[in-house]
Amino acid sequence: MKTPYLLIDLKKIKHNARVISDLCRRKNIRLWGVTKVVCGNPLIGKAIIESGVFGLADSRISNLERLRIGGIKEELMLLRIPSLKEAEKVTSLAQVSLTSELDVIKKLSQFGEKNLSLIHI
């Protein structure tokens, strides 16, 4: 019996991301690649970025951290509301966080001021 495995074709990922990125660019849309399904794999993240995508997004802070450690310098986005305890970590990793809770926004702002070198608005 063979062990199941996943084959990831970076050339196909690059091609698909390039096609979508080019379509969005023509409409003046900034495209973000989501790395959640690949657990923030830096090789896949780099392939997506090389294809013209603006930045990478994920719902897990550990995946954003994995991307940073793996050499991703482009903008990162957290795709969920962080907890108050996570605010400092989020501002050290990501430039964007989708947030609708006022207490969290205030905490992100507080820590964001410490990390202004990371914020590109």
PDB file of N, CA and C in Angstrom:
ATOM      1  N   MET A   1       0.834  -1.177   0.000  1.00  0.00           N
ATOM      2  CA  MET A   1       0.000   0.000   0.000  1.00  0.00           C
ATOM      3  C   MET A   1       0.885   1.249   0.000  1.00  0.00           C
ATOM      4  N   LYS A   2       0.601   2.175  -0.891  1.00  0.00           N
ATOM      5  CA  LYS A   2       1.384   3.397  -1.000  1.00  0.00           C
ATOM      6  C   LYS A   2       0.906   4.430   0.014  1.00  0.00           C
ATOM      7  N   THR A   3       1.851   5.208   0.493  1.00  0.00           N
ATOM      8  CA  THR A   3       1.535   6.296   1.413  1.00  0.00           C
ATOM      9  C   THR A   3       1.049   7.497   0.606  1.00  0.00           C
ATOM     10  N   PRO A   4      -0.049   8.121   1.016  1.00  0.00           N
ATOM     11  CA  PRO A   4      -0.519   9.311   0.291  1.00  0.00           C
ATOM     12  C   PRO A   4       0.473  10.463   0.452  1.00  0.00           C
ATOM     13  N   TYR A   5       0.567  11.276  -0.561  1.00  0.00           N
ATOM     14  CA  TYR A   5       1.441  12.444  -0.508  1.00  0.00           C
ATOM     15  C   TYR A   5       0.833  13.550  -1.351  1.00  0.00           C
ATOM     16  N   LEU A   6       1.316  14.746  -1.132  1.00  0.00           N
ATOM     17  CA  LEU A   6       0.844  15.920  -1.845  1.00  0.00           C
ATOM     18  C   LEU A   6       1.983  16.436  -2.703  1.00  0.00           C
ATOM     19  N   LEU A   7       1.741  16.567  -3.985  1.00  0.00           N
ATOM     20  CA  LEU A   7       2.733  17.102  -4.909  1.00  0.00           C
ATOM     21  C   LEU A   7       2.353  18.545  -5.217  1.00  0.00           C
ATOM     22  N   ILE A   8       3.244  19.478  -4.898  1.00  0.00           N
ATOM     23  CA  ILE A   8       2.993  20.899  -5.129  1.00  0.00           C
ATOM     24  C   ILE A   8       3.841  21.346  -6.300  1.00  0.00           C
ATOM     25  N   ASP A   9       3.183  21.835  -7.338  1.00  0.00           N
ATOM     26  CA  ASP A   9       3.867  22.280  -8.544  1.00  0.00           C
ATOM     27  C   ASP A   9       3.978  23.804  -8.499  1.00  0.00           C
ATOM     28  N   LEU A  10       5.157  24.302  -8.102  1.00  0.00           N
ATOM     29  CA  LEU A  10       5.352  25.750  -7.967  1.00  0.00           C
ATOM     30  C   LEU A  10       5.207  26.479  -9.299  1.00  0.00           C
ATOM     31  N   LYS A  11       5.539  25.829 -10.400  1.00  0.00           N
ATOM     32  CA  LYS A  11       5.374  26.461 -11.717  1.00  0.00           C
ATOM     33  C   LYS A  11       3.906  26.730 -12.001  1.00  0.00           C
ATOM     34  N   LYS A  12       3.050  25.785 -11.656  1.00  0.00           N
ATOM     35  CA  LYS A  12       1.607  25.975 -11.873  1.00  0.00           C
ATOM     36  C   LYS A  12       1.051  27.039 -10.934  1.00  0.00           C
ATOM     37  N   ILE A  13       1.535  27.043  -9.699  1.00  0.00           N
ATOM     38  CA  ILE A  13       1.097  28.077  -8.753  1.00  0.00           C
ATOM     39  C   ILE A  13       1.496  29.454  -9.276  1.00  0.00           C
ATOM     40  N   LYS A  14       2.739  29.582  -9.731  1.00  0.00           N
ATOM     41  CA  LYS A  14       3.204  30.861 -10.286  1.00  0.00           C
ATOM     42  C   LYS A  14       2.369  31.275 -11.495  1.00  0.00           C
ATOM     43  N   HIS A  15       2.123  30.332 -12.385  1.00  0.00           N
ATOM     44  CA  HIS A  15       1.340  30.645 -13.587  1.00  0.00           C
ATOM     45  C   HIS A  15      -0.060  31.132 -13.220  1.00  0.00           C
ATOM     46  N   ASN A  16      -0.737  30.387 -12.358  1.00  0.00           N
ATOM     47  CA  ASN A  16      -2.101  30.764 -11.974  1.00  0.00           C
ATOM     48  C   ASN A  16      -2.131  32.109 -11.255  1.00  0.00           C
ATOM     49  N   ALA A  17      -1.176  32.320 -10.354  1.00  0.00           N
ATOM     50  CA  ALA A  17      -1.125  33.591  -9.638  1.00  0.00           C
ATOM     51  C   ALA A  17      -0.819  34.738 -10.593  1.00  0.00           C
ATOM     52  N   ARG A  18       0.035  34.503 -11.582  1.00  0.00           N
ATOM     53  CA  ARG A  18       0.369  35.539 -12.566  1.00  0.00           C
ATOM     54  C   ARG A  18      -0.862  35.923 -13.389  1.00  0.00           C
ATOM     55  N   VAL A  19      -1.623  34.946 -13.827  1.00  0.00           N
ATOM     56  CA  VAL A  19      -2.816  35.219 -14.629  1.00  0.00           C
ATOM     57  C   VAL A  19      -3.815  36.065 -13.828  1.00  0.00           C
ATOM     58  N   ILE A  20      -4.078  35.654 -12.610  1.00  0.00           N
ATOM     59  CA  ILE A  20      -5.028  36.395 -11.776  1.00  0.00           C
ATOM     60  C   ILE A  20      -4.477  37.774 -11.424  1.00  0.00           C
ATOM     61  N   SER A  21      -3.196  37.841 -11.088  1.00  0.00           N
ATOM     62  CA  SER A  21      -2.568  39.114 -10.743  1.00  0.00           C
ATOM     63  C   SER A  21      -2.629  40.101 -11.912  1.00  0.00           C
ATOM     64  N   ASP A  22      -2.348  39.632 -13.111  1.00  0.00           N
ATOM     65  CA  ASP A  22      -2.403  40.497 -14.296  1.00  0.00           C
ATOM     66  C   ASP A  22      -3.817  41.016 -14.537  1.00  0.00           C
ATOM     67  N   LEU A  23      -4.813  40.158 -14.376  1.00  0.00           N
ATOM     68  CA  LEU A  23      -6.204  40.589 -14.540  1.00  0.00           C
ATOM     69  C   LEU A  23      -6.574  41.668 -13.518  1.00  0.00           C
ATOM     70  N   CYS A  24      -6.161  41.465 -12.290  1.00  0.00           N
ATOM     71  CA  CYS A  24      -6.467  42.439 -11.237  1.00  0.00           C
ATOM     72  C   CYS A  24      -5.742  43.761 -11.475  1.00  0.00           C
ATOM     73  N   ARG A  25      -4.477  43.680 -11.866  1.00  0.00           N
ATOM     74  CA  ARG A  25      -3.690  44.893 -12.094  1.00  0.00           C
ATOM     75  C   ARG A  25      -4.336  45.775 -13.162  1.00  0.00           C
ATOM     76  N   ARG A  26      -4.887  45.167 -14.193  1.00  0.00           N
ATOM     77  CA  ARG A  26      -5.553  45.938 -15.260  1.00  0.00           C
ATOM     78  C   ARG A  26      -6.761  46.709 -14.727  1.00  0.00           C
ATOM     79  N   LYS A  27      -7.351  46.225 -13.658  1.00  0.00           N
ATOM     80  CA  LYS A  27      -8.513  46.883 -13.043  1.00  0.00           C
ATOM     81  C   LYS A  27      -8.104  47.708 -11.819  1.00  0.00           C
ATOM     82  N   ASN A  28      -6.786  47.869 -11.625  1.00  0.00           N
ATOM     83  CA  ASN A  28      -6.240  48.626 -10.496  1.00  0.00           C
ATOM     84  C   ASN A  28      -6.647  48.021  -9.144  1.00  0.00           C
ATOM     85  N   ILE A  29      -6.604  46.690  -9.072  1.00  0.00           N
ATOM     86  CA  ILE A  29      -6.950  45.958  -7.847  1.00  0.00           C
ATOM     87  C   ILE A  29      -5.679  45.353  -7.269  1.00  0.00           C
ATOM     88  N   ARG A  30      -5.469  45.557  -5.973  1.00  0.00           N
ATOM     89  CA  ARG A  30      -4.343  44.922  -5.280  1.00  0.00           C
ATOM     90  C   ARG A  30      -4.754  43.517  -4.856  1.00  0.00           C
ATOM     91  N   LEU A  31      -4.039  42.542  -5.337  1.00  0.00           N
ATOM     92  CA  LEU A  31      -4.349  41.149  -5.050  1.00  0.00           C
ATOM     93  C   LEU A  31      -3.471  40.629  -3.923  1.00  0.00           C
ATOM     94  N   TRP A  32      -4.110  39.979  -2.944  1.00  0.00           N
ATOM     95  CA  TRP A  32      -3.404  39.334  -1.846  1.00  0.00           C
ATOM     96  C   TRP A  32      -3.525  37.823  -2.029  1.00  0.00           C
ATOM     97  N   GLY A  33      -2.434  37.113  -1.838  1.00  0.00           N
ATOM     98  CA  GLY A  33      -2.461  35.652  -1.876  1.00  0.00           C
ATOM     99  C   GLY A  33      -2.700  35.111  -0.477  1.00  0.00           C
ATOM    100  N   VAL A  34      -3.553  34.127  -0.354  1.00  0.00           N
ATOM    101  CA  VAL A  34      -3.858  33.529   0.953  1.00  0.00           C
ATOM    102  C   VAL A  34      -3.098  32.218   1.084  1.00  0.00           C
ATOM    103  N   THR A  35      -2.343  32.115   2.179  1.00  0.00           N
ATOM    104  CA  THR A  35      -1.479  30.946   2.381  1.00  0.00           C
ATOM    105  C   THR A  35      -1.999  30.000   3.451  1.00  0.00           C
ATOM    106  N   LYS A  36      -3.223  30.183   3.874  1.00  0.00           N
ATOM    107  CA  LYS A  36      -3.775  29.374   4.967  1.00  0.00           C
ATOM    108  C   LYS A  36      -3.747  27.881   4.646  1.00  0.00           C
ATOM    109  N   VAL A  37      -4.166  27.511   3.478  1.00  0.00           N
ATOM    110  CA  VAL A  37      -4.283  26.097   3.129  1.00  0.00           C
ATOM    111  C   VAL A  37      -2.919  25.406   3.034  1.00  0.00           C
ATOM    112  N   VAL A  38      -1.843  26.200   2.899  1.00  0.00           N
ATOM    113  CA  VAL A  38      -0.496  25.626   2.823  1.00  0.00           C
ATOM    114  C   VAL A  38       0.314  25.936   4.088  1.00  0.00           C
ATOM    115  N   CYS A  39      -0.390  26.317   5.147  1.00  0.00           N
ATOM    116  CA  CYS A  39       0.232  26.573   6.470  1.00  0.00           C
ATOM    117  C   CYS A  39       1.364  27.595   6.409  1.00  0.00           C
ATOM    118  N   GLY A  40       1.202  28.609   5.552  1.00  0.00           N
ATOM    119  CA  GLY A  40       2.215  29.655   5.462  1.00  0.00           C
ATOM    120  C   GLY A  40       3.558  29.171   4.936  1.00  0.00           C
ATOM    121  N   ASN A  41       3.538  28.184   4.058  1.00  0.00           N
ATOM    122  CA  ASN A  41       4.781  27.646   3.501  1.00  0.00           C
ATOM    123  C   ASN A  41       5.532  28.755   2.749  1.00  0.00           C
ATOM    124  N   PRO A  42       6.757  29.093   3.168  1.00  0.00           N
ATOM    125  CA  PRO A  42       7.487  30.192   2.534  1.00  0.00           C
ATOM    126  C   PRO A  42       7.818  29.969   1.063  1.00  0.00           C
ATOM    127  N   LEU A  43       8.067  28.720   0.653  1.00  0.00           N
ATOM    128  CA  LEU A  43       8.358  28.472  -0.769  1.00  0.00           C
ATOM    129  C   LEU A  43       7.151  28.787  -1.634  1.00  0.00           C
ATOM    130  N   ILE A  44       5.992  28.420  -1.159  1.00  0.00           N
ATOM    131  CA  ILE A  44       4.766  28.713  -1.901  1.00  0.00           C
ATOM    132  C   ILE A  44       4.473  30.209  -1.832  1.00  0.00           C
ATOM    133  N   GLY A  45       4.689  30.799  -0.653  1.00  0.00           N
ATOM    134  CA  GLY A  45       4.513  32.247  -0.519  1.00  0.00           C
ATOM    135  C   GLY A  45       5.394  33.015  -1.484  1.00  0.00           C
ATOM    136  N   LYS A  46       6.655  32.618  -1.599  1.00  0.00           N
ATOM    137  CA  LYS A  46       7.580  33.279  -2.531  1.00  0.00           C
ATOM    138  C   LYS A  46       7.112  33.119  -3.974  1.00  0.00           C
ATOM    139  N   ALA A  47       6.623  31.940  -4.323  1.00  0.00           N
ATOM    140  CA  ALA A  47       6.132  31.712  -5.686  1.00  0.00           C
ATOM    141  C   ALA A  47       4.958  32.640  -5.995  1.00  0.00           C
ATOM    142  N   ILE A  48       4.076  32.810  -5.035  1.00  0.00           N
ATOM    143  CA  ILE A  48       2.922  33.693  -5.228  1.00  0.00           C
ATOM    144  C   ILE A  48       3.380  35.137  -5.360  1.00  0.00           C
ATOM    145  N   ILE A  49       4.291  35.570  -4.496  1.00  0.00           N
ATOM    146  CA  ILE A  49       4.808  36.945  -4.538  1.00  0.00           C
ATOM    147  C   ILE A  49       5.519  37.212  -5.864  1.00  0.00           C
ATOM    148  N   GLU A  50       6.332  36.278  -6.319  1.00  0.00           N
ATOM    149  CA  GLU A  50       7.064  36.441  -7.586  1.00  0.00           C
ATOM    150  C   GLU A  50       6.124  36.593  -8.773  1.00  0.00           C
ATOM    151  N   SER A  51       4.890  36.208  -8.600  1.00  0.00           N
ATOM    152  CA  SER A  51       3.902  36.289  -9.677  1.00  0.00           C
ATOM    153  C   SER A  51       3.185  37.623  -9.713  1.00  0.00           C
ATOM    154  N   GLY A  52       3.569  38.544  -8.843  1.00  0.00           N
ATOM    155  CA  GLY A  52       3.004  39.881  -8.896  1.00  0.00           C
ATOM    156  C   GLY A  52       1.909  40.178  -7.888  1.00  0.00           C
ATOM    157  N   VAL A  53       1.681  39.264  -6.965  1.00  0.00           N
ATOM    158  CA  VAL A  53       0.683  39.479  -5.927  1.00  0.00           C
ATOM    159  C   VAL A  53       1.224  40.524  -4.960  1.00  0.00           C
ATOM    160  N   PHE A  54       0.345  41.402  -4.459  1.00  0.00           N
ATOM    161  CA  PHE A  54       0.762  42.517  -3.600  1.00  0.00           C
ATOM    162  C   PHE A  54       1.320  42.054  -2.256  1.00  0.00           C
ATOM    163  N   GLY A  55       0.642  41.126  -1.606  1.00  0.00           N
ATOM    164  CA  GLY A  55       1.058  40.653  -0.293  1.00  0.00           C
ATOM    165  C   GLY A  55       0.431  39.303  -0.006  1.00  0.00           C
ATOM    166  N   LEU A  56       0.713  38.779   1.189  1.00  0.00           N
ATOM    167  CA  LEU A  56       0.190  37.476   1.578  1.00  0.00           C
ATOM    168  C   LEU A  56      -0.681  37.611   2.819  1.00  0.00           C
ATOM    169  N   ALA A  57      -1.700  36.791   2.902  1.00  0.00           N
ATOM    170  CA  ALA A  57      -2.646  36.845   4.012  1.00  0.00           C
ATOM    171  C   ALA A  57      -2.859  35.450   4.585  1.00  0.00           C
ATOM    172  N   ASP A  58      -3.115  35.418   5.886  1.00  0.00           N
ATOM    173  CA  ASP A  58      -3.356  34.149   6.570  1.00  0.00           C
ATOM    174  C   ASP A  58      -4.167  34.428   7.824  1.00  0.00           C
ATOM    175  N   SER A  59      -4.865  33.418   8.306  1.00  0.00           N
ATOM    176  CA  SER A  59      -5.662  33.586   9.517  1.00  0.00           C
ATOM    177  C   SER A  59      -4.931  33.125  10.770  1.00  0.00           C
ATOM    178  N   ARG A  60      -3.738  32.593  10.605  1.00  0.00           N
ATOM    179  CA  ARG A  60      -2.973  32.105  11.751  1.00  0.00           C
ATOM    180  C   ARG A  60      -1.683  32.901  11.906  1.00  0.00           C
ATOM    181  N   ILE A  61      -1.476  33.405  13.104  1.00  0.00           N
ATOM    182  CA  ILE A  61      -0.272  34.177  13.389  1.00  0.00           C
ATOM    183  C   ILE A  61       0.966  33.314  13.191  1.00  0.00           C
ATOM    184  N   SER A  62       0.891  32.041  13.563  1.00  0.00           N
ATOM    185  CA  SER A  62       2.046  31.151  13.390  1.00  0.00           C
ATOM    186  C   SER A  62       2.423  31.014  11.912  1.00  0.00           C
ATOM    187  N   ASN A  63       1.443  31.065  11.024  1.00  0.00           N
ATOM    188  CA  ASN A  63       1.737  30.989   9.593  1.00  0.00           C
ATOM    189  C   ASN A  63       2.396  32.280   9.100  1.00  0.00           C
ATOM    190  N   LEU A  64       1.945  33.432   9.621  1.00  0.00           N
ATOM    191  CA  LEU A  64       2.587  34.699   9.260  1.00  0.00           C
ATOM    192  C   LEU A  64       4.041  34.703   9.738  1.00  0.00           C
ATOM    193  N   GLU A  65       4.248  34.184  10.922  1.00  0.00           N
ATOM    194  CA  GLU A  65       5.598  34.102  11.462  1.00  0.00           C
ATOM    195  C   GLU A  65       6.469  33.176  10.600  1.00  0.00           C
ATOM    196  N   ARG A  66       5.909  32.085  10.171  1.00  0.00           N
ATOM    197  CA  ARG A  66       6.634  31.141   9.306  1.00  0.00           C
ATOM    198  C   ARG A  66       7.049  31.810   7.992  1.00  0.00           C
ATOM    199  N   LEU A  67       6.151  32.638   7.439  1.00  0.00           N
ATOM    200  CA  LEU A  67       6.468  33.375   6.216  1.00  0.00           C
ATOM    201  C   LEU A  67       7.621  34.349   6.445  1.00  0.00           C
ATOM    202  N   ARG A  68       7.572  35.090   7.552  1.00  0.00           N
ATOM    203  CA  ARG A  68       8.645  36.053   7.867  1.00  0.00           C
ATOM    204  C   ARG A  68       9.975  35.333   8.059  1.00  0.00           C
ATOM    205  N   ILE A  69       9.967  34.275   8.845  1.00  0.00           N
ATOM    206  CA  ILE A  69      11.194  33.514   9.088  1.00  0.00           C
ATOM    207  C   ILE A  69      11.732  32.952   7.776  1.00  0.00           C
ATOM    208  N   GLY A  70      10.822  32.599   6.869  1.00  0.00           N
ATOM    209  CA  GLY A  70      11.204  32.044   5.574  1.00  0.00           C
ATOM    210  C   GLY A  70      11.666  33.083   4.565  1.00  0.00           C
ATOM    211  N   GLY A  71      11.738  34.357   4.980  1.00  0.00           N
ATOM    212  CA  GLY A  71      12.303  35.384   4.109  1.00  0.00           C
ATOM    213  C   GLY A  71      11.316  36.264   3.376  1.00  0.00           C
ATOM    214  N   ILE A  72      10.039  36.119   3.647  1.00  0.00           N
ATOM    215  CA  ILE A  72       9.046  36.975   2.993  1.00  0.00           C
ATOM    216  C   ILE A  72       9.128  38.365   3.607  1.00  0.00           C
ATOM    217  N   LYS A  73       9.410  39.368   2.768  1.00  0.00           N
ATOM    218  CA  LYS A  73       9.536  40.756   3.232  1.00  0.00           C
ATOM    219  C   LYS A  73       8.319  41.598   2.846  1.00  0.00           C
ATOM    220  N   GLU A  74       7.505  41.096   1.944  1.00  0.00           N
ATOM    221  CA  GLU A  74       6.342  41.842   1.477  1.00  0.00           C
ATOM    222  C   GLU A  74       5.300  41.957   2.595  1.00  0.00           C
ATOM    223  N   GLU A  75       4.266  42.743   2.328  1.00  0.00           N
ATOM    224  CA  GLU A  75       3.229  42.968   3.328  1.00  0.00           C
ATOM    225  C   GLU A  75       2.471  41.685   3.646  1.00  0.00           C
ATOM    226  N   LEU A  76       2.138  41.555   4.929  1.00  0.00           N
ATOM    227  CA  LEU A  76       1.349  40.431   5.412  1.00  0.00           C
ATOM    228  C   LEU A  76       0.073  40.954   6.063  1.00  0.00           C
ATOM    229  N   MET A  77      -0.988  40.139   5.981  1.00  0.00           N
ATOM    230  CA  MET A  77      -2.285  40.498   6.548  1.00  0.00           C
ATOM    231  C   MET A  77      -2.797  39.345   7.399  1.00  0.00           C
ATOM    232  N   LEU A  78      -3.325  39.691   8.584  1.00  0.00           N
ATOM    233  CA  LEU A  78      -4.007  38.704   9.413  1.00  0.00           C
ATOM    234  C   LEU A  78      -5.482  38.733   9.037  1.00  0.00           C
ATOM    235  N   LEU A  79      -6.025  37.593   8.646  1.00  0.00           N
ATOM    236  CA  LEU A  79      -7.399  37.506   8.132  1.00  0.00           C
ATOM    237  C   LEU A  79      -8.446  37.194   9.203  1.00  0.00           C
ATOM    238  N   ARG A  80      -8.222  37.641  10.395  1.00  0.00           N
ATOM    239  CA  ARG A  80      -9.201  37.434  11.462  1.00  0.00           C
ATOM    240  C   ARG A  80      -8.943  38.463  12.547  1.00  0.00           C
ATOM    241  N   ILE A  81      -9.879  38.588  13.450  1.00  0.00           N
ATOM    242  CA  ILE A  81      -9.717  39.505  14.570  1.00  0.00           C
ATOM    243  C   ILE A  81      -8.772  38.858  15.581  1.00  0.00           C
ATOM    244  N   PRO A  82      -7.666  39.528  15.909  1.00  0.00           N
ATOM    245  CA  PRO A  82      -6.774  38.956  16.915  1.00  0.00           C
ATOM    246  C   PRO A  82      -7.330  39.202  18.317  1.00  0.00           C
ATOM    247  N   SER A  83      -6.881  38.394  19.264  1.00  0.00           N
ATOM    248  CA  SER A  83      -7.239  38.643  20.658  1.00  0.00           C
ATOM    249  C   SER A  83      -6.379  39.795  21.173  1.00  0.00           C
ATOM    250  N   LEU A  84      -6.761  40.363  22.284  1.00  0.00           N
ATOM    251  CA  LEU A  84      -5.963  41.437  22.887  1.00  0.00           C
ATOM    252  C   LEU A  84      -4.548  40.960  23.193  1.00  0.00           C
ATOM    253  N   LYS A  85      -4.421  39.710  23.617  1.00  0.00           N
ATOM    254  CA  LYS A  85      -3.104  39.148  23.946  1.00  0.00           C
ATOM    255  C   LYS A  85      -2.214  39.000  22.709  1.00  0.00           C
ATOM    256  N   GLU A  86      -2.829  38.895  21.543  1.00  0.00           N
ATOM    257  CA  GLU A  86      -2.070  38.690  20.302  1.00  0.00           C
ATOM    258  C   GLU A  86      -1.675  40.000  19.622  1.00  0.00           C
ATOM    259  N   ALA A  87      -2.167  41.122  20.110  1.00  0.00           N
ATOM    260  CA  ALA A  87      -1.990  42.402  19.418  1.00  0.00           C
ATOM    261  C   ALA A  87      -0.527  42.750  19.166  1.00  0.00           C
ATOM    262  N   GLU A  88       0.313  42.586  20.161  1.00  0.00           N
ATOM    263  CA  GLU A  88       1.715  42.950  19.985  1.00  0.00           C
ATOM    264  C   GLU A  88       2.381  42.076  18.921  1.00  0.00           C
ATOM    265  N   LYS A  89       2.113  40.797  18.967  1.00  0.00           N
ATOM    266  CA  LYS A  89       2.692  39.858  17.987  1.00  0.00           C
ATOM    267  C   LYS A  89       2.226  40.213  16.572  1.00  0.00           C
ATOM    268  N   VAL A  90       0.934  40.538  16.441  1.00  0.00           N
ATOM    269  CA  VAL A  90       0.380  40.882  15.127  1.00  0.00           C
ATOM    270  C   VAL A  90       1.091  42.097  14.548  1.00  0.00           C
ATOM    271  N   THR A  91       1.299  43.132  15.367  1.00  0.00           N
ATOM    272  CA  THR A  91       1.935  44.346  14.845  1.00  0.00           C
ATOM    273  C   THR A  91       3.411  44.136  14.520  1.00  0.00           C
ATOM    274  N   SER A  92       4.016  43.108  15.074  1.00  0.00           N
ATOM    275  CA  SER A  92       5.414  42.832  14.739  1.00  0.00           C
ATOM    276  C   SER A  92       5.546  42.028  13.448  1.00  0.00           C
ATOM    277  N   LEU A  93       4.455  41.415  13.003  1.00  0.00           N
ATOM    278  CA  LEU A  93       4.503  40.553  11.815  1.00  0.00           C
ATOM    279  C   LEU A  93       3.767  41.118  10.609  1.00  0.00           C
ATOM    280  N   ALA A  94       2.616  41.728  10.853  1.00  0.00           N
ATOM    281  CA  ALA A  94       1.716  42.085   9.751  1.00  0.00           C
ATOM    282  C   ALA A  94       1.507  43.596   9.663  1.00  0.00           C
ATOM    283  N   GLN A  95       1.254  44.054   8.448  1.00  0.00           N
ATOM    284  CA  GLN A  95       0.927  45.449   8.226  1.00  0.00           C
ATOM    285  C   GLN A  95      -0.576  45.688   8.271  1.00  0.00           C
ATOM    286  N   VAL A  96      -1.355  44.611   8.077  1.00  0.00           N
ATOM    287  CA  VAL A  96      -2.806  44.727   8.012  1.00  0.00           C
ATOM    288  C   VAL A  96      -3.432  43.652   8.884  1.00  0.00           C
ATOM    289  N   SER A  97      -4.486  44.038   9.600  1.00  0.00           N
ATOM    290  CA  SER A  97      -5.266  43.085  10.380  1.00  0.00           C
ATOM    291  C   SER A  97      -6.731  43.444  10.202  1.00  0.00           C
ATOM    292  N   LEU A  98      -7.538  42.491   9.803  1.00  0.00           N
ATOM    293  CA  LEU A  98      -8.968  42.742   9.632  1.00  0.00           C
ATOM    294  C   LEU A  98      -9.616  42.689  11.008  1.00  0.00           C
ATOM    295  N   THR A  99     -10.022  43.842  11.500  1.00  0.00           N
ATOM    296  CA  THR A  99     -10.478  43.961  12.874  1.00  0.00           C
ATOM    297  C   THR A  99     -11.702  44.854  12.956  1.00  0.00           C
ATOM    298  N   SER A 100     -12.675  44.441  13.749  1.00  0.00           N
ATOM    299  CA  SER A 100     -13.874  45.252  13.939  1.00  0.00           C
ATOM    300  C   SER A 100     -14.181  45.532  15.408  1.00  0.00           C
ATOM    301  N   GLU A 101     -13.361  45.046  16.316  1.00  0.00           N
ATOM    302  CA  GLU A 101     -13.589  45.261  17.741  1.00  0.00           C
ATOM    303  C   GLU A 101     -12.743  46.436  18.218  1.00  0.00           C
ATOM    304  N   LEU A 102     -13.391  47.452  18.795  1.00  0.00           N
ATOM    305  CA  LEU A 102     -12.734  48.690  19.181  1.00  0.00           C
ATOM    306  C   LEU A 102     -11.577  48.454  20.158  1.00  0.00           C
ATOM    307  N   ASP A 103     -11.759  47.594  21.150  1.00  0.00           N
ATOM    308  CA  ASP A 103     -10.679  47.332  22.118  1.00  0.00           C
ATOM    309  C   ASP A 103      -9.443  46.761  21.426  1.00  0.00           C
ATOM    310  N   VAL A 104      -9.660  45.899  20.473  1.00  0.00           N
ATOM    311  CA  VAL A 104      -8.536  45.298  19.738  1.00  0.00           C
ATOM    312  C   VAL A 104      -7.869  46.352  18.859  1.00  0.00           C
ATOM    313  N   ILE A 105      -8.660  47.192  18.223  1.00  0.00           N
ATOM    314  CA  ILE A 105      -8.106  48.261  17.377  1.00  0.00           C
ATOM    315  C   ILE A 105      -7.224  49.181  18.208  1.00  0.00           C
ATOM    316  N   LYS A 106      -7.676  49.547  19.395  1.00  0.00           N
ATOM    317  CA  LYS A 106      -6.878  50.414  20.272  1.00  0.00           C
ATOM    318  C   LYS A 106      -5.570  49.738  20.667  1.00  0.00           C
ATOM    319  N   LYS A 107      -5.630  48.465  20.982  1.00  0.00           N
ATOM    320  CA  LYS A 107      -4.433  47.727  21.382  1.00  0.00           C
ATOM    321  C   LYS A 107      -3.468  47.595  20.196  1.00  0.00           C
ATOM    322  N   LEU A 108      -3.993  47.307  19.015  1.00  0.00           N
ATOM    323  CA  LEU A 108      -3.150  47.231  17.817  1.00  0.00           C
ATOM    324  C   LEU A 108      -2.486  48.575  17.551  1.00  0.00           C
ATOM    325  N   SER A 109      -3.233  49.645  17.735  1.00  0.00           N
ATOM    326  CA  SER A 109      -2.696  50.989  17.536  1.00  0.00           C
ATOM    327  C   SER A 109      -1.565  51.267  18.516  1.00  0.00           C
ATOM    328  N   GLN A 110      -1.784  50.899  19.764  1.00  0.00           N
ATOM    329  CA  GLN A 110      -0.780  51.095  20.811  1.00  0.00           C
ATOM    330  C   GLN A 110       0.532  50.391  20.449  1.00  0.00           C
ATOM    331  N   PHE A 111       0.439  49.127  20.093  1.00  0.00           N
ATOM    332  CA  PHE A 111       1.642  48.381  19.737  1.00  0.00           C
ATOM    333  C   PHE A 111       2.160  48.772  18.363  1.00  0.00           C
ATOM    334  N   GLY A 112       1.260  49.160  17.471  1.00  0.00           N
ATOM    335  CA  GLY A 112       1.663  49.570  16.126  1.00  0.00           C
ATOM    336  C   GLY A 112       2.574  50.776  16.139  1.00  0.00           C
ATOM    337  N   GLU A 113       2.349  51.684  17.082  1.00  0.00           N
ATOM    338  CA  GLU A 113       3.217  52.857  17.187  1.00  0.00           C
ATOM    339  C   GLU A 113       4.646  52.453  17.515  1.00  0.00           C
ATOM    340  N   LYS A 114       4.813  51.382  18.260  1.00  0.00           N
ATOM    341  CA  LYS A 114       6.157  50.871  18.577  1.00  0.00           C
ATOM    342  C   LYS A 114       6.807  50.255  17.337  1.00  0.00           C
ATOM    343  N   ASN A 115       5.983  49.772  16.428  1.00  0.00           N
ATOM    344  CA  ASN A 115       6.479  49.051  15.248  1.00  0.00           C
ATOM    345  C   ASN A 115       6.247  49.845  13.964  1.00  0.00           C
ATOM    346  N   LEU A 116       6.312  51.174  14.040  1.00  0.00           N
ATOM    347  CA  LEU A 116       6.023  51.998  12.877  1.00  0.00           C
ATOM    348  C   LEU A 116       6.878  51.664  11.671  1.00  0.00           C
ATOM    349  N   SER A 117       8.057  51.148  11.888  1.00  0.00           N
ATOM    350  CA  SER A 117       8.909  50.811  10.759  1.00  0.00           C
ATOM    351  C   SER A 117       8.308  49.696   9.909  1.00  0.00           C
ATOM    352  N   LEU A 118       7.365  48.937  10.465  1.00  0.00           N
ATOM    353  CA  LEU A 118       6.734  47.855   9.711  1.00  0.00           C
ATOM    354  C   LEU A 118       5.470  48.299   8.980  1.00  0.00           C
ATOM    355  N   ILE A 119       4.906  49.428   9.383  1.00  0.00           N
ATOM    356  CA  ILE A 119       3.599  49.832   8.854  1.00  0.00           C
ATOM    357  C   ILE A 119       3.786  50.682   7.593  1.00  0.00           C
ATOM    358  N   HIS A 120       3.148  50.262   6.509  1.00  0.00           N
ATOM    359  CA  HIS A 120       3.201  50.979   5.222  1.00  0.00           C
ATOM    360  C   HIS A 120       1.775  51.298   4.805  1.00  0.00           C
ATOM    361  N   ILE A 121       1.332  52.496   5.093  1.00  0.00           N
ATOM    362  CA  ILE A 121      -0.052  52.862   4.752  1.00  0.00           C
ATOM    363  C   ILE A 121      -0.030  53.803   3.568  1.00  0.00           C
TER     364      ILE A 121
END
